Every structure is written in structure tokens, then in C-alpha cells.
Protein backbone atom coordinates (compact mmCIF):
# COMPACT_ATOMS: atom_id res chain seq x y z
CA MET A 1 0.00 0.00 0.00
CA SER A 2 1.13 3.51 -0.71
CA VAL A 3 1.07 6.35 1.76
CA HIS A 4 -1.97 7.82 0.00
CA ASP A 5 -3.82 4.51 0.27
CA ASP A 6 -3.00 4.31 3.98
CA LEU A 7 -4.14 7.89 4.53
CA ALA A 8 -7.36 7.17 2.66
CA ALA A 9 -7.96 4.12 4.89
CA VAL A 10 -7.29 6.20 8.00
CA GLN A 11 -9.69 8.87 6.73
CA ARG A 12 -12.44 6.27 6.17
CA CYS A 13 -11.95 4.92 9.70
CA LEU A 14 -11.99 8.43 11.09
CA ASP A 15 -15.22 9.19 9.23
CA ASP A 16 -16.75 6.05 10.77
CA LEU A 17 -15.54 7.17 14.19
CA MET A 18 -17.09 10.61 13.70
CA ARG A 19 -20.43 9.03 12.79
CA SER A 20 -20.27 6.69 15.80
CA VAL A 21 -19.45 9.52 18.17
CA GLY A 22 -22.36 11.49 16.72
CA ARG A 23 -24.72 8.59 17.40
CA LEU A 24 -23.37 8.28 20.94
CA GLU A 25 -23.97 11.98 21.50
CA GLN A 26 -27.58 11.56 20.41
CA GLN A 27 -28.07 8.64 22.79
CA LEU A 28 -26.15 9.95 25.79
CA GLY A 29 -26.53 13.70 25.33
CA SER A 30 -23.70 16.07 24.58
CA GLY A 31 -23.42 17.66 28.02
CA GLY A 32 -21.34 15.02 29.80
CA LEU A 33 -17.63 15.48 30.29
CA GLU A 34 -16.81 12.06 28.87
CA ILE A 35 -18.61 12.56 25.54
CA ARG A 36 -17.18 16.06 25.18
CA ARG A 37 -13.68 14.65 25.67
CA VAL A 38 -14.33 11.95 23.07
CA ARG A 39 -15.65 14.58 20.64
CA THR A 40 -12.63 16.81 21.26
CA ASP A 41 -10.20 13.92 20.80
CA THR A 42 -11.97 12.93 17.58
CA ASN A 43 -11.68 16.48 16.27
CA HIS A 44 -7.98 16.52 17.15
CA LEU A 45 -7.50 13.27 15.24
CA ARG A 46 -9.26 14.78 12.24
CA GLU A 47 -6.96 17.82 12.34
CA SER A 48 -3.88 15.60 12.71
CA VAL A 49 -4.87 13.46 9.72
CA ALA A 50 -5.42 16.62 7.68
CA LEU A 51 -1.90 17.75 8.57
CA LEU A 52 -0.53 14.34 7.58
CA ARG A 53 -2.33 14.52 4.25
CA GLN A 54 -0.92 17.98 3.65
CA ALA A 55 2.61 16.84 4.49
CA ALA A 56 2.29 13.76 2.28
CA SER A 57 1.03 15.79 -0.67
CA ALA A 58 4.24 17.83 -0.80
CA PRO A 59 7.08 15.30 -0.48
CA GLY A 60 10.57 16.66 -0.74
CA GLU A 61 9.47 19.98 0.70
CA PRO A 62 10.33 19.86 4.38
CA ILE A 63 7.98 21.95 6.47
CA ARG A 64 10.13 24.24 8.56
CA PRO A 65 8.97 26.69 11.17
CA ASP A 66 9.66 30.35 10.62
CA LEU A 67 13.04 31.29 12.02
CA VAL A 68 13.30 34.10 14.53
CA SER A 69 16.53 36.02 14.46
CA ILE A 70 18.03 36.96 17.80
CA PRO A 71 20.35 39.97 17.74
CA ASP A 72 23.85 39.72 19.18
CA THR A 73 23.60 43.16 20.74
CA PRO A 74 23.09 43.21 24.52
CA TYR A 75 19.63 43.84 25.85
CA ASP A 76 18.79 47.08 27.60
CA PRO A 77 19.68 46.52 31.31
CA SER A 78 16.72 48.65 32.40
CA LEU A 79 14.48 45.73 31.43
CA TRP A 80 15.67 43.88 34.52
CA GLN A 81 15.70 46.73 37.06
CA ASP A 82 12.67 45.45 38.98
CA SER A 83 13.29 41.71 38.66
CA ASP A 84 14.72 39.35 41.23
CA ASP A 85 17.71 37.15 40.58
CA GLU A 86 16.07 33.80 40.12
CA GLY A 87 16.85 31.52 43.01
CA LEU A 88 18.70 34.23 44.93
CA GLY A 89 15.81 36.37 46.12
CA ALA A 90 15.50 40.12 45.99
CA ARG A 91 18.63 42.29 46.20
CA ASP A 92 17.52 44.29 49.23
CA ARG A 93 16.32 41.30 51.29
CA HIS A 94 18.08 38.37 52.94
CA ALA A 95 17.02 34.86 53.86
CA PRO A 96 15.62 34.30 57.39
């Protein structure tokens, strides 16, 4: 089987799951925590499969996050005037 065949099979199973969860919601009501969690998990699975399909449709093109450049220049020291040294406490206080 190819990747596209496997993704199509996963999509069919996911569609069946969505229908089953919908029937359960009708029988049990949609207000319970358990059914809401199942619905949320099912929606997350659907989104994840959509991302897999998108990644599989563009092979050879790695999906990279946008890079954020960090300047080498020092930060303005006034940004930390009112902060405590982590783990050391405040400058003007001492431990009991």
C-alpha cells in the first residue's frame, strides 16, 4: 500500500468514528464530560490526519517553522531593574 492509500484508509476509519461519536452523543446527550472529551479527541484526530495529508502531498518539501533572528547586541539593562535574581531572592532582602 502507498502512503496515499493508507491515509485514505485512516480517513475512512476516522469518518466512521465521527459518525459513531455522533450517534453516541444523540443517545447519551452532549453535556457530559466524557462525551465532550471523546468529541474533542476525535476532532484533534481529524486535524492531525489533515496535517498528515498535507505533508504527504508535498514530499521533498520539508515543512520548517519560521526562524526568529536573535540579535547579538546586549539587551537594555533597564528591562531587569525590577526583577529578582532567580533563586537568589531580591537584592535588598536576605534569607531568614
